């Protein structure tokens, strides 16, 4: 006699990223976006648009461009390794502060 009443069920554990990791992953793109919006809202700050008698450094070092570059550097050099380290710690089974484990299935 075969009974299908008691069966084995599998539960998948999915990890929800912490709010800190989510904010960390958004800081770089938001900073780049802020630089682009700043350049659009205040185009007179971009001397590349009217380079009358300006030197090289005056044209290169502009606040909206520097903000966008700082956001890109943060996203690539700071945030990406930190998020990879958090994911690696989670895969090893270390407890990462602020992460939750949700059972689905």
Protein backbone atom coordinates (compact mmCIF):
# COMPACT_ATOMS: atom_id res chain seq x y z
CA UNK A 1 0.00 0.00 0.00
CA UNK A 2 1.36 3.45 -0.96
CA UNK A 3 0.27 6.57 0.88
CA UNK A 4 0.95 10.01 -0.52
CA UNK A 5 -0.17 11.79 2.60
CA UNK A 6 3.26 12.14 4.19
CA UNK A 7 5.63 13.49 1.61
CA UNK A 8 8.92 15.23 1.79
CA UNK A 9 8.81 18.93 1.10
CA UNK A 10 11.75 21.12 0.39
CA UNK A 11 12.06 24.63 1.70
CA UNK A 12 14.20 27.09 -0.17
CA UNK A 13 15.94 29.73 1.88
CA UNK A 14 16.25 33.07 0.17
CA UNK A 15 18.28 35.86 1.63
CA UNK A 16 16.92 39.35 1.72
CA UNK A 17 19.64 41.96 1.46
CA UNK A 18 19.83 44.28 4.38
CA UNK A 19 18.78 47.88 4.08
CA UNK A 20 22.42 48.89 4.56
CA UNK A 21 23.53 46.79 1.58
CA UNK A 22 20.69 48.15 -0.53
CA UNK A 23 21.57 51.76 0.31
CA UNK A 24 25.26 51.05 -0.26
CA UNK A 25 24.53 49.68 -3.72
CA UNK A 26 22.50 52.78 -4.61
CA UNK A 27 24.92 55.46 -3.37
CA UNK A 28 27.17 55.41 -6.46
CA UNK A 29 24.42 55.57 -9.10
CA UNK A 30 22.51 58.22 -7.14
CA UNK A 31 25.65 60.34 -6.91
CA UNK A 32 26.26 60.01 -10.65
CA UNK A 33 22.65 60.96 -11.28
CA UNK A 34 22.98 63.98 -9.00
CA UNK A 35 26.02 65.16 -10.98
CA UNK A 36 24.19 64.77 -14.28
CA UNK A 37 21.10 66.55 -12.96
CA UNK A 38 23.28 69.34 -11.57
CA UNK A 39 24.92 69.74 -14.98
CA UNK A 40 21.49 69.92 -16.66
CA UNK A 41 19.97 72.32 -14.14
CA UNK A 42 22.97 74.67 -14.05
CA UNK A 43 24.59 74.45 -17.50
CA UNK A 44 26.51 77.70 -16.96
CA UNK A 45 28.74 75.80 -14.51
CA UNK A 46 30.04 73.66 -17.38
CA UNK A 47 32.73 75.77 -18.97
CA UNK A 48 33.09 73.10 -21.64
CA UNK A 49 30.01 74.64 -23.23
CA UNK A 50 31.71 78.07 -23.55
CA UNK A 51 35.51 77.65 -23.20
CA UNK A 52 36.52 81.23 -24.02
CA UNK A 53 40.07 81.70 -22.74
CA UNK A 54 39.89 78.88 -20.20
CA UNK A 55 42.84 76.63 -19.46
CA UNK A 56 42.87 72.84 -19.47
CA UNK A 57 42.39 72.41 -15.72
CA UNK A 58 39.59 74.95 -15.61
CA UNK A 59 37.77 72.89 -18.23
CA UNK A 60 38.43 69.50 -16.63
CA UNK A 61 37.84 70.30 -12.97
CA UNK A 62 34.16 71.21 -12.88
CA UNK A 63 31.93 70.44 -9.89
CA UNK A 64 29.16 68.51 -11.71
CA UNK A 65 31.71 66.38 -13.57
CA UNK A 66 33.69 65.76 -10.39
CA UNK A 67 30.53 64.65 -8.60
CA UNK A 68 29.71 62.16 -11.36
CA UNK A 69 33.28 60.83 -11.36
CA UNK A 70 33.23 60.51 -7.55
CA UNK A 71 30.01 58.50 -7.78
CA UNK A 72 31.51 56.17 -10.39
CA UNK A 73 34.69 55.68 -8.35
CA UNK A 74 32.64 54.96 -5.23
CA UNK A 75 30.44 52.45 -7.05
CA UNK A 76 33.38 50.61 -8.61
CA UNK A 77 36.11 50.88 -5.97
CA UNK A 78 34.22 50.97 -2.66
CA UNK A 79 30.69 49.61 -2.98
CA UNK A 80 31.34 46.65 -5.29
CA UNK A 81 34.03 45.03 -3.08
CA UNK A 82 31.99 45.65 0.07
CA UNK A 83 28.90 44.03 -1.42
CA UNK A 84 30.99 41.10 -2.67
CA UNK A 85 32.41 40.65 0.82
CA UNK A 86 28.91 40.69 2.32
CA UNK A 87 27.73 38.08 -0.21
CA UNK A 88 30.79 35.93 0.47
CA UNK A 89 30.21 36.11 4.22
CA UNK A 90 26.59 35.11 3.69
CA UNK A 91 27.57 32.14 1.49
CA UNK A 92 30.05 30.96 4.16
CA UNK A 93 27.26 31.05 6.70
CA UNK A 94 28.61 33.91 8.75
CA UNK A 95 26.01 36.10 10.34
CA UNK A 96 25.87 39.47 8.68
CA UNK A 97 24.25 42.18 10.79
CA UNK A 98 20.99 43.43 9.33
CA UNK A 99 20.29 40.46 7.05
CA UNK A 100 17.21 38.31 7.36
CA UNK A 101 16.62 34.79 6.21
CA UNK A 102 13.15 34.15 4.78
CA UNK A 103 11.81 30.65 4.19
CA UNK A 104 9.82 30.18 0.99
CA UNK A 105 8.25 27.12 -0.46
